Amino acid sequence: MNIMKYKNFIAEFEYDAEAKFFHGRVVNIRDAVTFEGASASELEQALADSVEDYLEFCRDLGREPDKPLSGNIN
């Protein structure tokens, strides 16, 4: 798996050689946020768009979005 980050959201992604497409998901929250793209730049933009859509969706519902987990244990 490969890792990318947008704001404090960490995502894992992989390349599907058969479909010739990247796909990924945010991994440091409980909610499901996914994204995909045909190139690295599309994938970066798709992650940003998906996170922003998620934040807007939560605002529209009047609920707090999951806070990204840092992965550190105290």
PDB file of N, CA and C in Angstrom:
ATOM      1  N   MET A   1       0.830  -1.182   0.000  1.00  0.00           N
ATOM      2  CA  MET A   1       0.000   0.000   0.000  1.00  0.00           C
ATOM      3  C   MET A   1       0.877   1.249   0.000  1.00  0.00           C
ATOM      4  N   ASN A   2       0.395   2.255  -0.633  1.00  0.00           N
ATOM      5  CA  ASN A   2       1.043   3.561  -0.662  1.00  0.00           C
ATOM      6  C   ASN A   2       0.217   4.524   0.182  1.00  0.00           C
ATOM      7  N   ILE A   3       0.863   5.554   0.701  1.00  0.00           N
ATOM      8  CA  ILE A   3       0.222   6.494   1.610  1.00  0.00           C
ATOM      9  C   ILE A   3       0.238   7.896   1.004  1.00  0.00           C
ATOM     10  N   MET A   4      -0.854   8.637   1.217  1.00  0.00           N
ATOM     11  CA  MET A   4      -0.896  10.058   0.905  1.00  0.00           C
ATOM     12  C   MET A   4      -1.695  10.755   1.991  1.00  0.00           C
ATOM     13  N   LYS A   5      -1.574  12.077   2.042  1.00  0.00           N
ATOM     14  CA  LYS A   5      -2.199  12.829   3.124  1.00  0.00           C
ATOM     15  C   LYS A   5      -2.836  14.094   2.567  1.00  0.00           C
ATOM     16  N   TYR A   6      -3.990  14.448   3.124  1.00  0.00           N
ATOM     17  CA  TYR A   6      -4.645  15.716   2.832  1.00  0.00           C
ATOM     18  C   TYR A   6      -5.154  16.263   4.153  1.00  0.00           C
ATOM     19  N   LYS A   7      -4.723  17.475   4.487  1.00  0.00           N
ATOM     20  CA  LYS A   7      -4.993  18.042   5.811  1.00  0.00           C
ATOM     21  C   LYS A   7      -4.471  17.026   6.818  1.00  0.00           C
ATOM     22  N   ASN A   8      -5.258  16.577   7.771  1.00  0.00           N
ATOM     23  CA  ASN A   8      -4.796  15.551   8.714  1.00  0.00           C
ATOM     24  C   ASN A   8      -5.355  14.173   8.378  1.00  0.00           C
ATOM     25  N   PHE A   9      -5.911  14.024   7.199  1.00  0.00           N
ATOM     26  CA  PHE A   9      -6.485  12.750   6.780  1.00  0.00           C
ATOM     27  C   PHE A   9      -5.425  11.937   6.040  1.00  0.00           C
ATOM     28  N   ILE A  10      -5.223  10.713   6.487  1.00  0.00           N
ATOM     29  CA  ILE A  10      -4.237   9.818   5.883  1.00  0.00           C
ATOM     30  C   ILE A  10      -4.976   8.781   5.058  1.00  0.00           C
ATOM     31  N   ALA A  11      -4.485   8.557   3.847  1.00  0.00           N
ATOM     32  CA  ALA A  11      -5.142   7.621   2.942  1.00  0.00           C
ATOM     33  C   ALA A  11      -4.134   6.600   2.420  1.00  0.00           C
ATOM     34  N   GLU A  12      -4.626   5.409   2.196  1.00  0.00           N
ATOM     35  CA  GLU A  12      -3.859   4.363   1.525  1.00  0.00           C
ATOM     36  C   GLU A  12      -4.426   4.219   0.123  1.00  0.00           C
ATOM     37  N   PHE A  13      -3.558   3.950  -0.840  1.00  0.00           N
ATOM     38  CA  PHE A  13      -4.027   3.735  -2.202  1.00  0.00           C
ATOM     39  C   PHE A  13      -3.189   2.674  -2.878  1.00  0.00           C
ATOM     40  N   GLU A  14      -3.753   2.112  -3.923  1.00  0.00           N
ATOM     41  CA  GLU A  14      -3.023   1.139  -4.732  1.00  0.00           C
ATOM     42  C   GLU A  14      -3.429   1.296  -6.186  1.00  0.00           C
ATOM     43  N   TYR A  15      -2.640   0.696  -7.039  1.00  0.00           N
ATOM     44  CA  TYR A  15      -2.883   0.768  -8.478  1.00  0.00           C
ATOM     45  C   TYR A  15      -3.440  -0.555  -8.964  1.00  0.00           C
ATOM     46  N   ASP A  16      -4.532  -0.480  -9.710  1.00  0.00           N
ATOM     47  CA  ASP A  16      -5.132  -1.662 -10.330  1.00  0.00           C
ATOM     48  C   ASP A  16      -4.641  -1.694 -11.776  1.00  0.00           C
ATOM     49  N   ALA A  17      -3.662  -2.562 -12.062  1.00  0.00           N
ATOM     50  CA  ALA A  17      -3.048  -2.611 -13.392  1.00  0.00           C
ATOM     51  C   ALA A  17      -4.037  -3.042 -14.464  1.00  0.00           C
ATOM     52  N   GLU A  18      -4.961  -3.910 -14.104  1.00  0.00           N
ATOM     53  CA  GLU A  18      -5.952  -4.373 -15.073  1.00  0.00           C
ATOM     54  C   GLU A  18      -6.878  -3.237 -15.498  1.00  0.00           C
ATOM     55  N   ALA A  19      -7.343  -2.468 -14.533  1.00  0.00           N
ATOM     56  CA  ALA A  19      -8.250  -1.349 -14.817  1.00  0.00           C
ATOM     57  C   ALA A  19      -7.488  -0.080 -15.190  1.00  0.00           C
ATOM     58  N   LYS A  20      -6.166  -0.078 -14.928  1.00  0.00           N
ATOM     59  CA  LYS A  20      -5.309   1.091 -15.167  1.00  0.00           C
ATOM     60  C   LYS A  20      -5.843   2.309 -14.412  1.00  0.00           C
ATOM     61  N   PHE A  21      -6.080   2.078 -13.119  1.00  0.00           N
ATOM     62  CA  PHE A  21      -6.669   3.098 -12.275  1.00  0.00           C
ATOM     63  C   PHE A  21      -6.133   2.973 -10.854  1.00  0.00           C
ATOM     64  N   PHE A  22      -5.977   4.093 -10.169  1.00  0.00           N
ATOM     65  CA  PHE A  22      -5.644   4.111  -8.754  1.00  0.00           C
ATOM     66  C   PHE A  22      -6.938   4.193  -7.953  1.00  0.00           C
ATOM     67  N   HIS A  23      -6.953   3.564  -6.790  1.00  0.00           N
ATOM     68  CA  HIS A  23      -8.091   3.725  -5.882  1.00  0.00           C
ATOM     69  C   HIS A  23      -7.570   3.707  -4.455  1.00  0.00           C
ATOM     70  N   GLY A  24      -8.275   4.441  -3.586  1.00  0.00           N
ATOM     71  CA  GLY A  24      -7.813   4.527  -2.216  1.00  0.00           C
ATOM     72  C   GLY A  24      -8.931   4.842  -1.255  1.00  0.00           C
ATOM     73  N   ARG A  25      -8.547   4.907   0.030  1.00  0.00           N
ATOM     74  CA  ARG A  25      -9.504   5.204   1.086  1.00  0.00           C
ATOM     75  C   ARG A  25      -8.781   5.878   2.240  1.00  0.00           C
ATOM     76  N   VAL A  26      -9.508   6.746   2.931  1.00  0.00           N
ATOM     77  CA  VAL A  26      -8.973   7.385   4.137  1.00  0.00           C
ATOM     78  C   VAL A  26      -8.993   6.343   5.237  1.00  0.00           C
ATOM     79  N   VAL A  27      -7.869   6.196   5.940  1.00  0.00           N
ATOM     80  CA  VAL A  27      -7.748   5.104   6.908  1.00  0.00           C
ATOM     81  C   VAL A  27      -7.720   5.542   8.366  1.00  0.00           C
ATOM     82  N   ASN A  28      -7.624   6.839   8.646  1.00  0.00           N
ATOM     83  CA  ASN A  28      -7.517   7.240  10.054  1.00  0.00           C
ATOM     84  C   ASN A  28      -8.803   7.850  10.614  1.00  0.00           C
ATOM     85  N   ILE A  29      -9.948   7.474  10.019  1.00  0.00           N
ATOM     86  CA  ILE A  29     -11.266   7.811  10.570  1.00  0.00           C
ATOM     87  C   ILE A  29     -12.156   6.576  10.457  1.00  0.00           C
ATOM     88  N   ARG A  30     -13.255   6.571  11.207  1.00  0.00           N
ATOM     89  CA  ARG A  30     -14.170   5.428  11.154  1.00  0.00           C
ATOM     90  C   ARG A  30     -15.088   5.474   9.935  1.00  0.00           C
ATOM     91  N   ASP A  31     -15.455   6.688   9.487  1.00  0.00           N
ATOM     92  CA  ASP A  31     -16.342   6.814   8.334  1.00  0.00           C
ATOM     93  C   ASP A  31     -15.625   6.372   7.064  1.00  0.00           C
ATOM     94  N   ALA A  32     -16.399   5.975   6.057  1.00  0.00           N
ATOM     95  CA  ALA A  32     -15.831   5.511   4.786  1.00  0.00           C
ATOM     96  C   ALA A  32     -15.694   6.686   3.819  1.00  0.00           C
ATOM     97  N   VAL A  33     -14.455   6.994   3.457  1.00  0.00           N
ATOM     98  CA  VAL A  33     -14.162   8.031   2.467  1.00  0.00           C
ATOM     99  C   VAL A  33     -13.224   7.405   1.453  1.00  0.00           C
ATOM    100  N   THR A  34     -13.689   7.288   0.214  1.00  0.00           N
ATOM    101  CA  THR A  34     -12.900   6.660  -0.839  1.00  0.00           C
ATOM    102  C   THR A  34     -12.682   7.641  -1.987  1.00  0.00           C
ATOM    103  N   PHE A  35     -11.747   7.297  -2.867  1.00  0.00           N
ATOM    104  CA  PHE A  35     -11.421   8.155  -4.002  1.00  0.00           C
ATOM    105  C   PHE A  35     -10.702   7.327  -5.056  1.00  0.00           C
ATOM    106  N   GLU A  36     -10.651   7.859  -6.289  1.00  0.00           N
ATOM    107  CA  GLU A  36      -9.951   7.159  -7.366  1.00  0.00           C
ATOM    108  C   GLU A  36      -9.534   8.139  -8.444  1.00  0.00           C
ATOM    109  N   GLY A  37      -8.556   7.721  -9.244  1.00  0.00           N
ATOM    110  CA  GLY A  37      -8.072   8.554 -10.332  1.00  0.00           C
ATOM    111  C   GLY A  37      -7.197   7.766 -11.279  1.00  0.00           C
ATOM    112  N   ALA A  38      -7.018   8.302 -12.473  1.00  0.00           N
ATOM    113  CA  ALA A  38      -6.238   7.623 -13.503  1.00  0.00           C
ATOM    114  C   ALA A  38      -4.765   8.015 -13.477  1.00  0.00           C
ATOM    115  N   SER A  39      -4.412   9.066 -12.734  1.00  0.00           N
ATOM    116  CA  SER A  39      -3.021   9.506 -12.637  1.00  0.00           C
ATOM    117  C   SER A  39      -2.753   9.975 -11.214  1.00  0.00           C
ATOM    118  N   ALA A  40      -1.494  10.205 -10.905  1.00  0.00           N
ATOM    119  CA  ALA A  40      -1.146  10.674  -9.564  1.00  0.00           C
ATOM    120  C   ALA A  40      -1.801  12.022  -9.265  1.00  0.00           C
ATOM    121  N   SER A  41      -1.795  12.935 -10.230  1.00  0.00           N
ATOM    122  CA  SER A  41      -2.405  14.242  -9.986  1.00  0.00           C
ATOM    123  C   SER A  41      -3.915  14.125  -9.827  1.00  0.00           C
ATOM    124  N   GLU A  42      -4.559  13.261 -10.606  1.00  0.00           N
ATOM    125  CA  GLU A  42      -6.002  13.029 -10.437  1.00  0.00           C
ATOM    126  C   GLU A  42      -6.291  12.421  -9.070  1.00  0.00           C
ATOM    127  N   LEU A  43      -5.431  11.520  -8.643  1.00  0.00           N
ATOM    128  CA  LEU A  43      -5.629  10.864  -7.352  1.00  0.00           C
ATOM    129  C   LEU A  43      -5.507  11.873  -6.210  1.00  0.00           C
ATOM    130  N   GLU A  44      -4.509  12.752  -6.270  1.00  0.00           N
ATOM    131  CA  GLU A  44      -4.356  13.786  -5.250  1.00  0.00           C
ATOM    132  C   GLU A  44      -5.589  14.690  -5.200  1.00  0.00           C
ATOM    133  N   GLN A  45      -6.072  15.101  -6.349  1.00  0.00           N
ATOM    134  CA  GLN A  45      -7.257  15.967  -6.396  1.00  0.00           C
ATOM    135  C   GLN A  45      -8.491  15.217  -5.902  1.00  0.00           C
ATOM    136  N   ALA A  46      -8.609  13.938  -6.254  1.00  0.00           N
ATOM    137  CA  ALA A  46      -9.757  13.140  -5.824  1.00  0.00           C
ATOM    138  C   ALA A  46      -9.773  12.977  -4.306  1.00  0.00           C
ATOM    139  N   LEU A  47      -8.597  12.797  -3.692  1.00  0.00           N
ATOM    140  CA  LEU A  47      -8.531  12.712  -2.230  1.00  0.00           C
ATOM    141  C   LEU A  47      -9.001  14.024  -1.612  1.00  0.00           C
ATOM    142  N   ALA A  48      -8.478  15.143  -2.098  1.00  0.00           N
ATOM    143  CA  ALA A  48      -8.880  16.451  -1.566  1.00  0.00           C
ATOM    144  C   ALA A  48     -10.383  16.665  -1.735  1.00  0.00           C
ATOM    145  N   ASP A  49     -10.906  16.359  -2.915  1.00  0.00           N
ATOM    146  CA  ASP A  49     -12.341  16.527  -3.168  1.00  0.00           C
ATOM    147  C   ASP A  49     -13.172  15.639  -2.245  1.00  0.00           C
ATOM    148  N   SER A  50     -12.746  14.394  -2.064  1.00  0.00           N
ATOM    149  CA  SER A  50     -13.504  13.460  -1.223  1.00  0.00           C
ATOM    150  C   SER A  50     -13.517  13.908   0.232  1.00  0.00           C
ATOM    151  N   VAL A  51     -12.389  14.381   0.737  1.00  0.00           N
ATOM    152  CA  VAL A  51     -12.335  14.864   2.119  1.00  0.00           C
ATOM    153  C   VAL A  51     -13.215  16.104   2.272  1.00  0.00           C
ATOM    154  N   GLU A  52     -13.117  17.033   1.340  1.00  0.00           N
ATOM    155  CA  GLU A  52     -13.944  18.242   1.417  1.00  0.00           C
ATOM    156  C   GLU A  52     -15.433  17.896   1.318  1.00  0.00           C
ATOM    157  N   ASP A  53     -15.789  16.943   0.441  1.00  0.00           N
ATOM    158  CA  ASP A  53     -17.188  16.485   0.352  1.00  0.00           C
ATOM    159  C   ASP A  53     -17.643  15.868   1.663  1.00  0.00           C
ATOM    160  N   TYR A  54     -16.784  15.066   2.281  1.00  0.00           N
ATOM    161  CA  TYR A  54     -17.094  14.443   3.566  1.00  0.00           C
ATOM    162  C   TYR A  54     -17.351  15.511   4.637  1.00  0.00           C
ATOM    163  N   LEU A  55     -16.478  16.510   4.703  1.00  0.00           N
ATOM    164  CA  LEU A  55     -16.642  17.581   5.695  1.00  0.00           C
ATOM    165  C   LEU A  55     -17.927  18.366   5.456  1.00  0.00           C
ATOM    166  N   GLU A  56     -18.235  18.640   4.199  1.00  0.00           N
ATOM    167  CA  GLU A  56     -19.478  19.349   3.867  1.00  0.00           C
ATOM    168  C   GLU A  56     -20.701  18.503   4.205  1.00  0.00           C
ATOM    169  N   PHE A  57     -20.633  17.206   3.903  1.00  0.00           N
ATOM    170  CA  PHE A  57     -21.721  16.282   4.220  1.00  0.00           C
ATOM    171  C   PHE A  57     -22.007  16.290   5.721  1.00  0.00           C
ATOM    172  N   CYS A  58     -20.955  16.247   6.520  1.00  0.00           N
ATOM    173  CA  CYS A  58     -21.134  16.274   7.969  1.00  0.00           C
ATOM    174  C   CYS A  58     -21.759  17.585   8.418  1.00  0.00           C
ATOM    175  N   ARG A  59     -21.310  18.709   7.840  1.00  0.00           N
ATOM    176  CA  ARG A  59     -21.907  20.013   8.174  1.00  0.00           C
ATOM    177  C   ARG A  59     -23.386  20.026   7.832  1.00  0.00           C
ATOM    178  N   ASP A  60     -23.733  19.497   6.650  1.00  0.00           N
ATOM    179  CA  ASP A  60     -25.130  19.467   6.218  1.00  0.00           C
ATOM    180  C   ASP A  60     -25.997  18.639   7.167  1.00  0.00           C
ATOM    181  N   LEU A  61     -25.423  17.586   7.736  1.00  0.00           N
ATOM    182  CA  LEU A  61     -26.152  16.736   8.679  1.00  0.00           C
ATOM    183  C   LEU A  61     -26.154  17.311  10.095  1.00  0.00           C
ATOM    184  N   GLY A  62     -25.336  18.333  10.317  1.00  0.00           N
ATOM    185  CA  GLY A  62     -25.236  18.915  11.642  1.00  0.00           C
ATOM    186  C   GLY A  62     -24.481  18.040  12.616  1.00  0.00           C
ATOM    187  N   ARG A  63     -23.543  17.268  12.109  1.00  0.00           N
ATOM    188  CA  ARG A  63     -22.751  16.403  12.981  1.00  0.00           C
ATOM    189  C   ARG A  63     -21.276  16.694  12.806  1.00  0.00           C
ATOM    190  N   GLU A  64     -20.530  16.394  13.846  1.00  0.00           N
ATOM    191  CA  GLU A  64     -19.085  16.562  13.799  1.00  0.00           C
ATOM    192  C   GLU A  64     -18.471  15.430  12.973  1.00  0.00           C
ATOM    193  N   PRO A  65     -17.563  15.763  12.063  1.00  0.00           N
ATOM    194  CA  PRO A  65     -16.863  14.687  11.342  1.00  0.00           C
ATOM    195  C   PRO A  65     -15.928  13.955  12.300  1.00  0.00           C
ATOM    196  N   ASP A  66     -15.598  12.712  11.955  1.00  0.00           N
ATOM    197  CA  ASP A  66     -14.602  11.988  12.739  1.00  0.00           C
ATOM    198  C   ASP A  66     -13.320  12.800  12.764  1.00  0.00           C
ATOM    199  N   LYS A  67     -12.686  12.847  13.894  1.00  0.00           N
ATOM    200  CA  LYS A  67     -11.377  13.491  14.001  1.00  0.00           C
ATOM    201  C   LYS A  67     -10.333  12.481  13.526  1.00  0.00           C
ATOM    202  N   PRO A  68      -9.460  12.903  12.638  1.00  0.00           N
ATOM    203  CA  PRO A  68      -8.419  11.959  12.181  1.00  0.00           C
ATOM    204  C   PRO A  68      -7.582  11.470  13.354  1.00  0.00           C
ATOM    205  N   LEU A  69      -7.369  10.178  13.410  1.00  0.00           N
ATOM    206  CA  LEU A  69      -6.551   9.568  14.432  1.00  0.00           C
ATOM    207  C   LEU A  69      -5.079   9.746  14.052  1.00  0.00           C
ATOM    208  N   SER A  70      -4.239  10.036  15.013  1.00  0.00           N
ATOM    209  CA  SER A  70      -2.826  10.288  14.722  1.00  0.00           C
ATOM    210  C   SER A  70      -2.047   8.997  14.515  1.00  0.00           C
ATOM    211  N   GLY A  71      -2.539   7.897  15.095  1.00  0.00           N
ATOM    212  CA  GLY A  71      -1.797   6.641  15.020  1.00  0.00           C
ATOM    213  C   GLY A  71      -0.818   6.485  16.173  1.00  0.00           C
ATOM    214  N   ASN A  72      -0.681   7.512  17.018  1.00  0.00           N
ATOM    215  CA  ASN A  72       0.205   7.452  18.168  1.00  0.00           C
ATOM    216  C   ASN A  72      -0.562   6.933  19.376  1.00  0.00           C
ATOM    217  N   ILE A  73       0.102   6.135  20.186  1.00  0.00           N
ATOM    218  CA  ILE A  73      -0.495   5.600  21.409  1.00  0.00           C
ATOM    219  C   ILE A  73       0.187   6.257  22.585  1.00  0.00           C
ATOM    220  N   ASN A  74      -0.612   6.805  23.499  1.00  0.00           N
ATOM    221  CA  ASN A  74      -0.031   7.458  24.689  1.00  0.00           C
ATOM    222  C   ASN A  74       0.295   6.450  25.738  1.00  0.00           C
TER     223      ASN A  74
END
